[in-house]
Amino acid sequence: MDLNTLKYLLPFLNEISNVLTISKITPGLYLHNPINAYNIITKLIIDFVSLFGIIWNCCQETLNYNDINYGFKKALVLLLFAFLLPNILMEYLMRLIPINNEFISGMIVIILLLLIETFVYKRLIKQKNNNKEEKNNIKEE
């Protein structure tokens, strides 16, 4: 796996772990309400790595555009679609997928969240670039 793929998947590590737990492939890996020290430490490590992936993406966007606003927007979109919403809604979203396999339905939800995150972020970039062009056109007039 190359670093670019890893960069895009790390923010979703907590949800991949959540799906593995819900589907009972690795029971107890990522419990929302940990019951012992092992569960607490495992959840903290997974959340830490996932948040590290979000930070990595934000730093990369800031460097790519030489503008912290891009990194900030990437952070907000990733936090929403890779961390907050799936933590609250994963089991519900999995039930919406008409497949009898929890692992497959969970992975479909993660792929959809990744696509939605990418789409929303690209729209934000496009909007920001359009606003810059409008400001430049106004200055030229």
Protein backbone atom coordinates (compact mmCIF):
# COMPACT_ATOMS: atom_id res chain seq x y z
CA MET A 1 0.00 0.00 0.00
CA ASP A 2 1.45 3.35 -0.99
CA LEU A 3 1.46 6.43 1.24
CA ASN A 4 -1.23 8.21 -0.79
CA THR A 5 -3.70 5.35 -0.29
CA LEU A 6 -2.80 5.19 3.39
CA LYS A 7 -3.38 8.95 3.72
CA TYR A 8 -6.93 8.60 2.38
CA LEU A 9 -7.80 5.48 4.40
CA LEU A 10 -6.39 6.46 7.81
CA PRO A 11 -9.17 8.94 8.66
CA PHE A 12 -11.65 6.08 8.19
CA LEU A 13 -9.71 3.58 10.34
CA ASN A 14 -12.09 4.05 13.25
CA GLU A 15 -15.05 3.22 11.02
CA ILE A 16 -13.32 0.24 9.46
CA SER A 17 -12.65 -0.97 13.01
CA ASN A 18 -16.27 -0.23 13.92
CA VAL A 19 -17.51 -2.34 10.99
CA LEU A 20 -15.18 -5.19 11.97
CA THR A 21 -16.64 -5.04 15.48
CA ILE A 22 -20.30 -4.76 14.41
CA SER A 23 -19.92 -7.64 11.95
CA LYS A 24 -18.27 -9.71 14.72
CA ILE A 25 -15.15 -10.36 12.62
CA THR A 26 -13.12 -8.88 15.48
CA PRO A 27 -15.54 -8.57 18.41
CA GLY A 28 -14.49 -6.02 21.00
CA LEU A 29 -11.98 -4.27 18.72
CA TYR A 30 -13.76 -0.90 18.69
CA LEU A 31 -16.47 -0.64 21.32
CA HIS A 32 -18.23 2.70 21.74
CA ASN A 33 -18.62 1.92 25.43
CA PRO A 34 -15.40 0.12 26.39
CA ILE A 35 -15.82 -2.34 29.25
CA ASN A 36 -12.21 -2.93 30.31
CA ALA A 37 -8.72 -1.43 30.06
CA TYR A 38 -7.89 -3.36 26.88
CA ASN A 39 -11.00 -2.02 25.11
CA ILE A 40 -10.26 1.54 26.27
CA ILE A 41 -6.63 1.44 25.08
CA THR A 42 -7.57 -0.18 21.76
CA LYS A 43 -10.27 2.42 21.07
CA LEU A 44 -7.92 5.28 22.00
CA ILE A 45 -5.16 3.98 19.71
CA ILE A 46 -7.57 3.54 16.79
CA ASP A 47 -9.06 7.02 17.32
CA PHE A 48 -5.55 8.49 17.62
CA VAL A 49 -4.42 6.92 14.32
CA SER A 50 -7.66 8.03 12.63
CA LEU A 51 -7.24 11.61 13.86
CA PHE A 52 -3.59 11.51 12.80
CA GLY A 53 -4.83 10.64 9.29
CA ILE A 54 -7.14 13.66 9.36
CA ILE A 55 -4.26 15.92 10.45
CA TRP A 56 -2.03 14.46 7.73
CA ASN A 57 -4.63 15.22 5.06
CA CYS A 58 -5.09 18.77 6.35
CA CYS A 59 -1.36 19.47 6.40
CA GLN A 60 -1.01 18.09 2.89
CA GLU A 61 -3.81 20.33 1.57
CA THR A 62 -2.29 23.36 3.28
CA LEU A 63 1.05 22.60 1.60
CA ASN A 64 -0.55 21.85 -1.78
CA TYR A 65 -2.35 25.19 -1.93
CA ASN A 66 -0.02 27.22 0.29
CA ASP A 67 -3.14 28.38 2.11
CA ILE A 68 -4.25 27.25 5.57
CA ASN A 69 -7.91 27.75 4.62
CA TYR A 70 -7.76 24.66 2.38
CA GLY A 71 -6.35 22.58 5.22
CA PHE A 72 -8.97 23.92 7.60
CA LYS A 73 -11.81 23.07 5.21
CA LYS A 74 -10.36 19.60 4.66
CA ALA A 75 -10.28 19.13 8.45
CA LEU A 76 -13.92 20.12 8.86
CA VAL A 77 -15.14 17.89 6.05
CA LEU A 78 -13.07 14.90 7.22
CA LEU A 79 -14.08 15.33 10.86
CA LEU A 80 -17.72 15.39 9.80
CA PHE A 81 -17.74 12.50 7.30
CA ALA A 82 -14.94 10.29 8.64
CA PHE A 83 -15.34 10.72 12.37
CA LEU A 84 -18.47 12.35 13.80
CA LEU A 85 -21.36 11.21 11.58
CA PRO A 86 -20.22 7.61 11.17
CA ASN A 87 -19.58 7.23 14.90
CA ILE A 88 -23.17 8.21 15.54
CA LEU A 89 -24.91 6.67 12.52
CA MET A 90 -22.87 3.65 11.32
CA GLU A 91 -25.22 0.89 12.49
CA TYR A 92 -28.27 2.79 11.18
CA LEU A 93 -26.61 3.43 7.80
CA MET A 94 -25.59 -0.23 7.55
CA ARG A 95 -29.21 -1.28 8.01
CA LEU A 96 -30.22 0.92 5.06
CA ILE A 97 -28.06 -1.18 2.72
CA PRO A 98 -30.22 -4.15 1.60
CA ILE A 99 -27.44 -6.74 2.00
CA ASN A 100 -27.52 -9.50 4.58
CA ASN A 101 -23.77 -9.29 5.29
CA GLU A 102 -22.87 -6.67 7.93
CA PHE A 103 -19.23 -6.46 6.84
CA ILE A 104 -20.08 -5.79 3.19
CA SER A 105 -22.83 -3.28 4.03
CA GLY A 106 -20.44 -1.51 6.42
CA MET A 107 -17.71 -1.29 3.80
CA ILE A 108 -20.25 0.09 1.29
CA VAL A 109 -21.19 2.78 3.82
CA ILE A 110 -17.50 3.66 4.33
CA ILE A 111 -16.91 3.88 0.57
CA LEU A 112 -19.98 6.11 0.21
CA LEU A 113 -18.76 8.34 3.06
CA LEU A 114 -15.34 8.60 1.43
CA LEU A 115 -16.94 9.56 -1.89
CA ILE A 116 -19.24 12.12 -0.23
CA GLU A 117 -16.28 13.61 1.68
CA THR A 118 -14.30 13.93 -1.56
CA PHE A 119 -17.24 15.47 -3.42
CA VAL A 120 -18.02 18.01 -0.66
CA TYR A 121 -14.37 19.04 -0.32
CA LYS A 122 -13.97 19.47 -4.09
CA ARG A 123 -17.12 21.62 -4.16
CA LEU A 124 -15.70 23.79 -1.37
CA ILE A 125 -12.43 24.20 -3.29
CA LYS A 126 -14.29 25.07 -6.47
CA GLN A 127 -16.39 27.62 -4.59
CA LYS A 128 -13.30 29.17 -3.00
CA ASN A 129 -11.51 29.35 -6.38
CA ASN A 130 -14.58 30.96 -7.98
CA ASN A 131 -14.67 33.55 -5.17
CA LYS A 132 -10.97 34.31 -5.76
CA GLU A 133 -11.60 34.76 -9.48
CA GLU A 134 -14.53 37.11 -8.80
CA LYS A 135 -12.38 39.23 -6.46
CA ASN A 136 -9.62 39.37 -9.05
CA ASN A 137 -12.11 40.41 -11.75
CA ILE A 138 -13.53 43.15 -9.50
CA LYS A 139 -10.00 44.49 -8.79
CA GLU A 140 -9.16 44.56 -12.49
CA GLU A 141 -12.27 46.62 -13.32
